[in-house]
Amino acid sequence: MPAIRATVLRIVVTTSILPRMADPTTTSRPAAGIPARELELALTVQRLANEIDRQVTEVLRPHGLTAPQYHVLRLLREAGEDGLACWEIGDRLPTRDPDITRLLDRLERQGLVRRARDVADRRVVLAYIEPAGERALASVDAPLAAAHRQRFRALGRAGTDALQESLEALLGG
């Protein structure tokens, strides 16, 4: 089965992603000590991540949200009534934000989240999504889903599943 997954990933990358990128055979010399194939793959993954980030930013901007704000709201919606401790939010964000407190301050000022001390451990501050935060997420759910579907449609279901598995393996998950 791993051989099939590797083959599917190779097909996905070579037929769907690389044609939109620079031809790996025409790149300049590889960096010292880094094999050209691995370097090109790493650069392609970075370019794809940057392109997805740009696309997400474009979708969120008209709704008055940044990507970190969106991800905090998404995490809090998933947490439901239990909320999340500030440190949990920081650990679960797809990118590191060095100042979760300021991010939550902005969301709280906008009425999208609220914070409260944990009754079981007063040292812990929990964050909860507010109804306005739920509405803000609802306004971007469909446009974001459409953007992601558009981005990955060429891969098909099997290709996206294989890519997801491969990326999770690379992340150690």
N, C-alpha and C. Protein backbone atom coordinates (compact mmCIF):
# COMPACT_ATOMS: atom_id res chain seq x y z
N MET A 1 0.81 -1.21 0.00
CA MET A 1 0.00 0.00 0.00
C MET A 1 0.85 1.27 0.00
N PRO A 2 1.98 1.33 0.79
CA PRO A 2 2.81 2.54 0.74
C PRO A 2 3.34 2.81 -0.66
N ALA A 3 3.63 1.77 -1.43
CA ALA A 3 4.14 1.98 -2.79
C ALA A 3 3.07 2.63 -3.66
N ILE A 4 1.81 2.24 -3.47
CA ILE A 4 0.71 2.84 -4.23
C ILE A 4 0.57 4.31 -3.84
N ARG A 5 0.64 4.61 -2.53
CA ARG A 5 0.53 5.99 -2.07
C ARG A 5 1.66 6.84 -2.64
N ALA A 6 2.87 6.30 -2.64
CA ALA A 6 4.01 7.05 -3.17
C ALA A 6 3.82 7.29 -4.67
N THR A 7 3.31 6.29 -5.36
CA THR A 7 3.07 6.45 -6.79
C THR A 7 2.00 7.50 -7.04
N VAL A 8 0.91 7.46 -6.27
CA VAL A 8 -0.16 8.44 -6.43
C VAL A 8 0.37 9.83 -6.13
N LEU A 9 1.17 9.98 -5.06
CA LEU A 9 1.73 11.29 -4.74
C LEU A 9 2.63 11.77 -5.88
N ARG A 10 3.46 10.88 -6.41
CA ARG A 10 4.34 11.24 -7.50
C ARG A 10 3.52 11.70 -8.71
N ILE A 11 2.44 10.98 -9.00
CA ILE A 11 1.58 11.35 -10.12
C ILE A 11 0.93 12.70 -9.85
N VAL A 12 0.43 12.90 -8.64
CA VAL A 12 -0.23 14.15 -8.27
C VAL A 12 0.74 15.32 -8.40
N VAL A 13 1.92 15.17 -7.84
CA VAL A 13 2.89 16.27 -7.88
C VAL A 13 3.35 16.54 -9.30
N THR A 14 3.65 15.48 -10.04
CA THR A 14 4.20 15.70 -11.38
C THR A 14 3.15 16.13 -12.39
N THR A 15 1.91 15.70 -12.23
CA THR A 15 0.90 16.06 -13.22
C THR A 15 0.07 17.28 -12.83
N SER A 16 -0.03 17.57 -11.54
CA SER A 16 -0.92 18.65 -11.12
C SER A 16 -0.21 19.86 -10.55
N ILE A 17 0.89 19.66 -9.89
CA ILE A 17 1.54 20.77 -9.21
C ILE A 17 2.74 21.27 -10.00
N LEU A 18 3.64 20.39 -10.37
CA LEU A 18 4.86 20.82 -11.03
C LEU A 18 4.65 21.54 -12.36
N PRO A 19 3.66 21.16 -13.18
CA PRO A 19 3.51 21.90 -14.44
C PRO A 19 3.28 23.40 -14.24
N ARG A 20 2.72 23.77 -13.10
CA ARG A 20 2.49 25.18 -12.83
C ARG A 20 3.71 25.84 -12.23
N MET A 21 4.69 25.06 -11.88
CA MET A 21 5.92 25.57 -11.27
C MET A 21 7.03 25.54 -12.31
N ALA A 22 8.18 26.04 -11.91
CA ALA A 22 9.34 26.00 -12.80
C ALA A 22 9.71 24.55 -13.07
N ASP A 23 10.21 24.30 -14.26
CA ASP A 23 10.66 22.97 -14.64
C ASP A 23 11.86 22.60 -13.77
N PRO A 24 11.75 21.53 -12.95
CA PRO A 24 12.84 21.19 -12.03
C PRO A 24 14.13 20.81 -12.74
N THR A 25 14.05 20.45 -14.01
CA THR A 25 15.27 20.07 -14.71
C THR A 25 16.05 21.28 -15.19
N THR A 26 15.44 22.47 -15.15
CA THR A 26 16.11 23.66 -15.63
C THR A 26 16.53 24.60 -14.51
N THR A 27 16.40 24.16 -13.27
CA THR A 27 16.78 25.02 -12.16
C THR A 27 18.29 25.10 -12.06
N SER A 28 18.75 26.11 -11.35
CA SER A 28 20.19 26.24 -11.15
C SER A 28 20.69 25.11 -10.26
N ARG A 29 21.99 25.10 -10.06
CA ARG A 29 22.59 24.02 -9.27
C ARG A 29 21.94 23.93 -7.90
N PRO A 30 21.81 22.71 -7.35
CA PRO A 30 21.22 22.56 -6.02
C PRO A 30 22.14 23.14 -4.95
N ALA A 31 21.54 23.49 -3.83
CA ALA A 31 22.33 23.98 -2.71
C ALA A 31 23.27 22.88 -2.26
N ALA A 32 24.41 23.28 -1.75
CA ALA A 32 25.42 22.31 -1.32
C ALA A 32 24.82 21.34 -0.31
N GLY A 33 24.98 20.06 -0.56
CA GLY A 33 24.56 19.04 0.38
C GLY A 33 23.09 18.68 0.31
N ILE A 34 22.28 19.37 -0.49
CA ILE A 34 20.86 19.05 -0.60
C ILE A 34 20.61 18.47 -1.98
N PRO A 35 20.16 17.22 -2.03
CA PRO A 35 19.86 16.64 -3.34
C PRO A 35 18.81 17.47 -4.07
N ALA A 36 18.98 17.63 -5.38
CA ALA A 36 18.11 18.48 -6.19
C ALA A 36 16.64 18.09 -6.07
N ARG A 37 16.36 16.81 -6.07
CA ARG A 37 14.97 16.35 -6.01
C ARG A 37 14.29 16.78 -4.72
N GLU A 38 14.96 16.58 -3.58
CA GLU A 38 14.39 16.96 -2.29
C GLU A 38 14.26 18.47 -2.16
N LEU A 39 15.25 19.19 -2.66
CA LEU A 39 15.19 20.65 -2.63
C LEU A 39 14.01 21.15 -3.46
N GLU A 40 13.86 20.62 -4.65
CA GLU A 40 12.76 21.04 -5.52
C GLU A 40 11.41 20.72 -4.88
N LEU A 41 11.30 19.56 -4.27
CA LEU A 41 10.06 19.19 -3.59
C LEU A 41 9.78 20.16 -2.44
N ALA A 42 10.78 20.45 -1.63
CA ALA A 42 10.59 21.38 -0.52
C ALA A 42 10.17 22.76 -1.02
N LEU A 43 10.80 23.22 -2.09
CA LEU A 43 10.45 24.53 -2.64
C LEU A 43 9.04 24.53 -3.23
N THR A 44 8.65 23.44 -3.86
CA THR A 44 7.31 23.33 -4.42
C THR A 44 6.26 23.36 -3.31
N VAL A 45 6.51 22.64 -2.23
CA VAL A 45 5.58 22.64 -1.09
C VAL A 45 5.48 24.05 -0.50
N GLN A 46 6.61 24.75 -0.38
CA GLN A 46 6.58 26.12 0.12
C GLN A 46 5.80 27.04 -0.80
N ARG A 47 6.02 26.92 -2.10
CA ARG A 47 5.28 27.76 -3.05
C ARG A 47 3.78 27.48 -2.98
N LEU A 48 3.42 26.21 -2.86
CA LEU A 48 2.02 25.85 -2.75
C LEU A 48 1.42 26.43 -1.47
N ALA A 49 2.13 26.31 -0.35
CA ALA A 49 1.64 26.86 0.91
C ALA A 49 1.46 28.37 0.81
N ASN A 50 2.41 29.06 0.19
CA ASN A 50 2.30 30.51 0.01
C ASN A 50 1.11 30.86 -0.87
N GLU A 51 0.90 30.10 -1.93
CA GLU A 51 -0.22 30.36 -2.83
C GLU A 51 -1.55 30.14 -2.11
N ILE A 52 -1.65 29.09 -1.33
CA ILE A 52 -2.88 28.83 -0.57
C ILE A 52 -3.10 29.96 0.44
N ASP A 53 -2.05 30.39 1.11
CA ASP A 53 -2.16 31.48 2.08
C ASP A 53 -2.65 32.76 1.39
N ARG A 54 -2.11 33.06 0.22
CA ARG A 54 -2.54 34.24 -0.53
C ARG A 54 -4.01 34.15 -0.91
N GLN A 55 -4.42 32.98 -1.35
CA GLN A 55 -5.80 32.78 -1.76
C GLN A 55 -6.75 32.90 -0.56
N VAL A 56 -6.38 32.33 0.56
CA VAL A 56 -7.21 32.43 1.77
C VAL A 56 -7.31 33.89 2.21
N THR A 57 -6.21 34.61 2.16
CA THR A 57 -6.22 36.03 2.54
C THR A 57 -7.18 36.82 1.65
N GLU A 58 -7.17 36.53 0.35
CA GLU A 58 -8.07 37.21 -0.58
C GLU A 58 -9.53 36.94 -0.26
N VAL A 59 -9.84 35.71 0.14
CA VAL A 59 -11.23 35.36 0.48
C VAL A 59 -11.65 36.03 1.78
N LEU A 60 -10.75 36.07 2.77
CA LEU A 60 -11.10 36.59 4.09
C LEU A 60 -11.17 38.12 4.15
N ARG A 61 -10.33 38.80 3.38
CA ARG A 61 -10.22 40.26 3.46
C ARG A 61 -11.56 40.98 3.37
N PRO A 62 -12.43 40.68 2.39
CA PRO A 62 -13.70 41.40 2.31
C PRO A 62 -14.61 41.18 3.53
N HIS A 63 -14.33 40.15 4.30
CA HIS A 63 -15.13 39.84 5.48
C HIS A 63 -14.50 40.41 6.76
N GLY A 64 -13.40 41.14 6.59
CA GLY A 64 -12.77 41.79 7.74
C GLY A 64 -11.99 40.85 8.65
N LEU A 65 -11.58 39.71 8.13
CA LEU A 65 -10.83 38.74 8.93
C LEU A 65 -9.44 38.52 8.33
N THR A 66 -8.49 38.25 9.22
CA THR A 66 -7.17 37.80 8.79
C THR A 66 -7.14 36.28 8.93
N ALA A 67 -6.15 35.65 8.33
CA ALA A 67 -6.03 34.20 8.42
C ALA A 67 -5.88 33.74 9.88
N PRO A 68 -5.01 34.37 10.70
CA PRO A 68 -4.94 33.93 12.10
C PRO A 68 -6.28 34.10 12.84
N GLN A 69 -7.00 35.18 12.59
CA GLN A 69 -8.29 35.37 13.24
C GLN A 69 -9.27 34.28 12.81
N TYR A 70 -9.28 33.99 11.52
CA TYR A 70 -10.15 32.93 11.01
C TYR A 70 -9.85 31.61 11.71
N HIS A 71 -8.56 31.27 11.80
CA HIS A 71 -8.20 29.98 12.40
C HIS A 71 -8.57 29.92 13.87
N VAL A 72 -8.43 31.02 14.60
CA VAL A 72 -8.84 31.04 16.00
C VAL A 72 -10.34 30.80 16.09
N LEU A 73 -11.12 31.51 15.29
CA LEU A 73 -12.57 31.33 15.31
C LEU A 73 -12.96 29.90 14.94
N ARG A 74 -12.29 29.35 13.93
CA ARG A 74 -12.56 27.97 13.51
C ARG A 74 -12.29 26.98 14.65
N LEU A 75 -11.16 27.17 15.33
CA LEU A 75 -10.83 26.29 16.46
C LEU A 75 -11.85 26.41 17.59
N LEU A 76 -12.27 27.64 17.86
CA LEU A 76 -13.25 27.85 18.94
C LEU A 76 -14.62 27.28 18.57
N ARG A 77 -14.98 27.37 17.30
CA ARG A 77 -16.25 26.76 16.87
C ARG A 77 -16.19 25.25 17.07
N GLU A 78 -15.06 24.65 16.69
CA GLU A 78 -14.90 23.20 16.87
C GLU A 78 -14.92 22.81 18.35
N ALA A 79 -14.40 23.67 19.22
CA ALA A 79 -14.35 23.37 20.66
C ALA A 79 -15.73 23.43 21.30
N GLY A 80 -16.62 24.21 20.71
CA GLY A 80 -17.98 24.31 21.25
C GLY A 80 -18.03 24.99 22.60
N GLU A 81 -18.93 24.53 23.44
CA GLU A 81 -19.18 25.16 24.74
C GLU A 81 -18.01 25.01 25.70
N ASP A 82 -17.12 24.06 25.44
CA ASP A 82 -15.97 23.86 26.33
C ASP A 82 -14.92 24.96 26.16
N GLY A 83 -14.91 25.62 25.01
CA GLY A 83 -13.89 26.63 24.75
C GLY A 83 -12.51 26.01 24.70
N LEU A 84 -11.51 26.87 24.59
CA LEU A 84 -10.12 26.42 24.56
C LEU A 84 -9.27 27.36 25.39
N ALA A 85 -8.28 26.79 26.07
CA ALA A 85 -7.29 27.61 26.78
C ALA A 85 -6.44 28.32 25.74
N CYS A 86 -5.95 29.48 26.11
CA CYS A 86 -5.13 30.27 25.17
C CYS A 86 -3.95 29.46 24.64
N TRP A 87 -3.28 28.70 25.51
CA TRP A 87 -2.13 27.93 25.06
C TRP A 87 -2.55 26.84 24.07
N GLU A 88 -3.78 26.29 24.23
CA GLU A 88 -4.26 25.28 23.29
C GLU A 88 -4.48 25.89 21.91
N ILE A 89 -5.00 27.11 21.88
CA ILE A 89 -5.20 27.79 20.60
C ILE A 89 -3.85 27.95 19.90
N GLY A 90 -2.86 28.44 20.64
CA GLY A 90 -1.53 28.61 20.07
C GLY A 90 -0.95 27.32 19.52
N ASP A 91 -1.16 26.22 20.24
CA ASP A 91 -0.63 24.92 19.79
C ASP A 91 -1.34 24.40 18.55
N ARG A 92 -2.60 24.76 18.35
CA ARG A 92 -3.39 24.20 17.26
C ARG A 92 -3.41 25.06 16.00
N LEU A 93 -2.91 26.27 16.07
CA LEU A 93 -2.89 27.12 14.88
C LEU A 93 -1.96 26.53 13.83
N PRO A 94 -2.32 26.66 12.55
CA PRO A 94 -1.46 26.09 11.50
C PRO A 94 -0.11 26.80 11.37
N THR A 95 -0.05 28.07 11.79
CA THR A 95 1.22 28.79 11.81
C THR A 95 1.38 29.38 13.20
N ARG A 96 2.60 29.60 13.59
CA ARG A 96 2.86 30.14 14.92
C ARG A 96 2.55 31.63 14.98
N ASP A 97 1.78 32.01 15.98
CA ASP A 97 1.51 33.42 16.24
C ASP A 97 2.11 33.70 17.61
N PRO A 98 3.11 34.56 17.69
CA PRO A 98 3.80 34.76 18.96
C PRO A 98 2.97 35.47 20.02
N ASP A 99 1.85 36.07 19.63
CA ASP A 99 1.08 36.82 20.60
C ASP A 99 -0.41 36.49 20.52
N ILE A 100 -0.77 35.34 21.05
CA ILE A 100 -2.16 34.90 21.05
C ILE A 100 -3.02 35.88 21.86
N THR A 101 -2.47 36.43 22.92
CA THR A 101 -3.24 37.35 23.76
C THR A 101 -3.72 38.56 22.95
N ARG A 102 -2.84 39.17 22.18
CA ARG A 102 -3.24 40.33 21.36
C ARG A 102 -4.24 39.94 20.28
N LEU A 103 -4.04 38.76 19.70
CA LEU A 103 -4.97 38.27 18.69
C LEU A 103 -6.36 38.11 19.31
N LEU A 104 -6.43 37.52 20.49
CA LEU A 104 -7.71 37.36 21.18
C LEU A 104 -8.27 38.71 21.62
N ASP A 105 -7.40 39.64 22.03
CA ASP A 105 -7.86 40.99 22.38
C ASP A 105 -8.63 41.61 21.22
N ARG A 106 -8.06 41.53 20.01
CA ARG A 106 -8.72 42.12 18.83
C ARG A 106 -10.06 41.44 18.55
N LEU A 107 -10.07 40.12 18.63
CA LEU A 107 -11.32 39.39 18.39
C LEU A 107 -12.37 39.70 19.45
N GLU A 108 -11.92 39.88 20.68
CA GLU A 108 -12.85 40.21 21.76
C GLU A 108 -13.42 41.63 21.57
N ARG A 109 -12.56 42.58 21.18
CA ARG A 109 -13.03 43.95 20.92
C ARG A 109 -14.07 43.97 19.80
N GLN A 110 -13.93 43.07 18.84
CA GLN A 110 -14.88 42.98 17.72
C GLN A 110 -16.15 42.22 18.12
N GLY A 111 -16.18 41.67 19.32
CA GLY A 111 -17.35 40.92 19.78
C GLY A 111 -17.45 39.52 19.21
N LEU A 112 -16.33 39.00 18.69
CA LEU A 112 -16.34 37.68 18.06
C LEU A 112 -16.02 36.55 19.04
N VAL A 113 -15.30 36.86 20.10
CA VAL A 113 -14.96 35.87 21.13
C VAL A 113 -15.13 36.51 22.51
N ARG A 114 -15.17 35.66 23.51
CA ARG A 114 -15.11 36.13 24.90
C ARG A 114 -14.13 35.24 25.65
N ARG A 115 -13.60 35.78 26.73
CA ARG A 115 -12.67 35.01 27.56
C ARG A 115 -13.16 34.99 28.99
N ALA A 116 -12.81 33.91 29.67
CA ALA A 116 -13.17 33.78 31.09
C ALA A 116 -12.16 32.85 31.76
N ARG A 117 -11.97 33.08 33.04
CA ARG A 117 -11.09 32.19 33.82
C ARG A 117 -11.75 30.82 33.96
N ASP A 118 -10.94 29.79 33.90
CA ASP A 118 -11.41 28.42 34.10
C ASP A 118 -11.77 28.27 35.58
N VAL A 119 -12.98 27.80 35.87
CA VAL A 119 -13.40 27.67 37.27
C VAL A 119 -12.60 26.59 38.00
N ALA A 120 -12.12 25.58 37.27
CA ALA A 120 -11.34 24.50 37.89
C ALA A 120 -9.89 24.92 38.16
N ASP A 121 -9.36 25.84 37.35
CA ASP A 121 -7.98 26.30 37.51
C ASP A 121 -7.93 27.78 37.12
N ARG A 122 -7.99 28.65 38.10
CA ARG A 122 -8.08 30.08 37.86
C ARG A 122 -6.88 30.65 37.11
N ARG A 123 -5.80 29.89 37.00
CA ARG A 123 -4.63 30.36 36.24
C ARG A 123 -4.87 30.28 34.73
N VAL A 124 -5.85 29.48 34.32
CA VAL A 124 -6.10 29.24 32.91
C VAL A 124 -7.22 30.17 32.41
N VAL A 125 -6.97 30.80 31.29
CA VAL A 125 -7.98 31.63 30.63
C VAL A 125 -8.51 30.86 29.43
N LEU A 126 -9.83 30.71 29.39
CA LEU A 126 -10.48 30.01 28.29
C LEU A 126 -11.10 31.02 27.34
N ALA A 127 -11.09 30.69 26.06
CA ALA A 127 -11.72 31.53 25.05
C ALA A 127 -12.90 30.77 24.46
N TYR A 128 -13.95 31.51 24.13
CA TYR A 128 -15.18 30.94 23.58
C TYR A 128 -15.61 31.78 22.39
N ILE A 129 -16.21 31.13 21.41
CA ILE A 129 -16.73 31.87 20.26
C ILE A 129 -18.08 32.47 20.63
N GLU A 130 -18.32 33.68 20.20
CA GLU A 130 -19.59 34.37 20.41
C GLU A 130 -20.47 34.20 19.17
N PRO A 131 -21.78 34.47 19.28
CA PRO A 131 -22.65 34.36 18.10
C PRO A 131 -22.15 35.19 16.91
N ALA A 132 -21.60 36.37 17.16
CA ALA A 132 -21.05 37.18 16.05
C ALA A 132 -19.87 36.47 15.39
N GLY A 133 -19.08 35.75 16.16
CA GLY A 133 -17.99 34.96 15.61
C GLY A 133 -18.50 33.81 14.76
N GLU A 134 -19.58 33.18 15.21
CA GLU A 134 -20.22 32.11 14.43
C GLU A 134 -20.72 32.66 13.10
N ARG A 135 -21.32 33.85 13.14
CA ARG A 135 -21.83 34.46 11.90
C ARG A 135 -20.68 34.83 10.96
N ALA A 136 -19.59 35.34 11.54
CA ALA A 136 -18.43 35.69 10.70
C ALA A 136 -17.88 34.45 10.00
N LEU A 137 -17.80 33.34 10.72
CA LEU A 137 -17.33 32.10 10.10
C LEU A 137 -18.30 31.62 9.03
N ALA A 138 -19.58 31.70 9.33
CA ALA A 138 -20.59 31.24 8.37
C ALA A 138 -20.48 32.03 7.07
N SER A 139 -20.09 33.30 7.16
CA SER A 139 -20.00 34.13 5.96
C SER A 139 -18.81 33.75 5.08
N VAL A 140 -17.81 33.08 5.64
CA VAL A 140 -16.63 32.71 4.84
C VAL A 140 -16.53 31.22 4.56
N ASP A 141 -17.39 30.42 5.19
CA ASP A 141 -17.32 28.96 4.97
C ASP A 141 -17.45 28.59 3.50
N ALA A 142 -18.49 29.07 2.84
CA ALA A 142 -18.72 28.68 1.44
C ALA A 142 -17.63 29.21 0.50
N PRO A 143 -17.24 30.50 0.61
CA PRO A 143 -16.18 30.96 -0.30
C PRO A 143 -14.85 30.24 -0.09
N LEU A 144 -14.51 29.93 1.16
CA LEU A 144 -13.26 29.20 1.40
C LEU A 144 -13.34 27.77 0.87
N ALA A 145 -14.47 27.12 1.10
CA ALA A 145 -14.64 25.76 0.59
C ALA A 145 -14.52 25.74 -0.93
N ALA A 146 -15.13 26.72 -1.58
CA ALA A 146 -15.05 26.80 -3.05
C ALA A 146 -13.60 27.02 -3.51
N ALA A 147 -12.88 27.88 -2.81
CA ALA A 147 -11.48 28.14 -3.18
C ALA A 147 -10.64 26.87 -3.03
N HIS A 148 -10.86 26.14 -1.93
CA HIS A 148 -10.09 24.92 -1.72
C HIS A 148 -10.48 23.83 -2.73
N ARG A 149 -11.77 23.72 -3.02
CA ARG A 149 -12.20 22.75 -4.03
C ARG A 149 -11.55 23.07 -5.38
N GLN A 150 -11.55 24.33 -5.74
CA GLN A 150 -10.94 24.77 -7.00
C GLN A 150 -9.45 24.41 -7.02
N ARG A 151 -8.76 24.68 -5.94
CA ARG A 151 -7.33 24.43 -5.86
C ARG A 151 -7.00 22.96 -6.08
N PHE A 152 -7.78 22.06 -5.47
CA PHE A 152 -7.42 20.63 -5.47
C PHE A 152 -8.26 19.77 -6.41
N ARG A 153 -9.12 20.37 -7.21
CA ARG A 153 -10.03 19.57 -8.04
C ARG A 153 -9.29 18.68 -9.04
N ALA A 154 -8.17 19.13 -9.54
CA ALA A 154 -7.43 18.34 -10.53
C ALA A 154 -6.91 17.03 -9.96
N LEU A 155 -6.80 16.96 -8.65
CA LEU A 155 -6.27 15.74 -8.02
C LEU A 155 -7.33 14.65 -7.88
N GLY A 156 -8.59 15.03 -7.85
CA GLY A 156 -9.64 14.05 -7.60
C GLY A 156 -9.60 13.59 -6.14
N ARG A 157 -10.58 12.80 -5.76
CA ARG A 157 -10.70 12.35 -4.37
C ARG A 157 -9.50 11.48 -3.95
N ALA A 158 -9.14 10.54 -4.79
CA ALA A 158 -8.02 9.64 -4.45
C ALA A 158 -6.72 10.43 -4.33
N GLY A 159 -6.53 11.37 -5.23
CA GLY A 159 -5.31 12.18 -5.20
C GLY A 159 -5.23 13.06 -3.97
N THR A 160 -6.36 13.69 -3.59
CA THR A 160 -6.34 14.54 -2.39
C THR A 160 -6.13 13.70 -1.15
N ASP A 161 -6.75 12.51 -1.10
CA ASP A 161 -6.54 11.63 0.05
C ASP A 161 -5.07 11.21 0.15
N ALA A 162 -4.47 10.85 -0.99
CA ALA A 162 -3.07 10.42 -0.99
C ALA A 162 -2.15 11.58 -0.60
N LEU A 163 -2.45 12.77 -1.12
CA LEU A 163 -1.64 13.93 -0.77
C LEU A 163 -1.75 14.23 0.72
N GLN A 164 -2.98 14.19 1.26
CA GLN A 164 -3.18 14.43 2.69
C GLN A 164 -2.38 13.44 3.53
N GLU A 165 -2.46 12.16 3.19
CA GLU A 165 -1.71 11.13 3.92
C GLU A 165 -0.21 11.38 3.84
N SER A 166 0.26 11.72 2.66
CA SER A 166 1.70 11.95 2.48
C SER A 166 2.17 13.17 3.26
N LEU A 167 1.40 14.24 3.22
CA LEU A 167 1.78 15.44 3.96
C LEU A 167 1.76 15.19 5.47
N GLU A 168 0.77 14.46 5.95
CA GLU A 168 0.71 14.11 7.37
C GLU A 168 1.91 13.26 7.76
N ALA A 169 2.32 12.34 6.88
CA ALA A 169 3.50 11.52 7.16
C ALA A 169 4.75 12.39 7.26
N LEU A 170 4.85 13.37 6.35
CA LEU A 170 6.00 14.28 6.39
C LEU A 170 6.01 15.13 7.66
N LEU A 171 4.82 15.46 8.15
CA LEU A 171 4.73 16.27 9.38
C LEU A 171 4.88 15.40 10.63
N GLY A 172 4.94 14.10 10.45
CA GLY A 172 5.13 13.22 11.60
C GLY A 172 3.83 12.84 12.27
N GLY A 173 2.71 13.06 11.58
CA GLY A 173 1.38 12.78 12.16
C GLY A 173 0.87 11.52 11.74
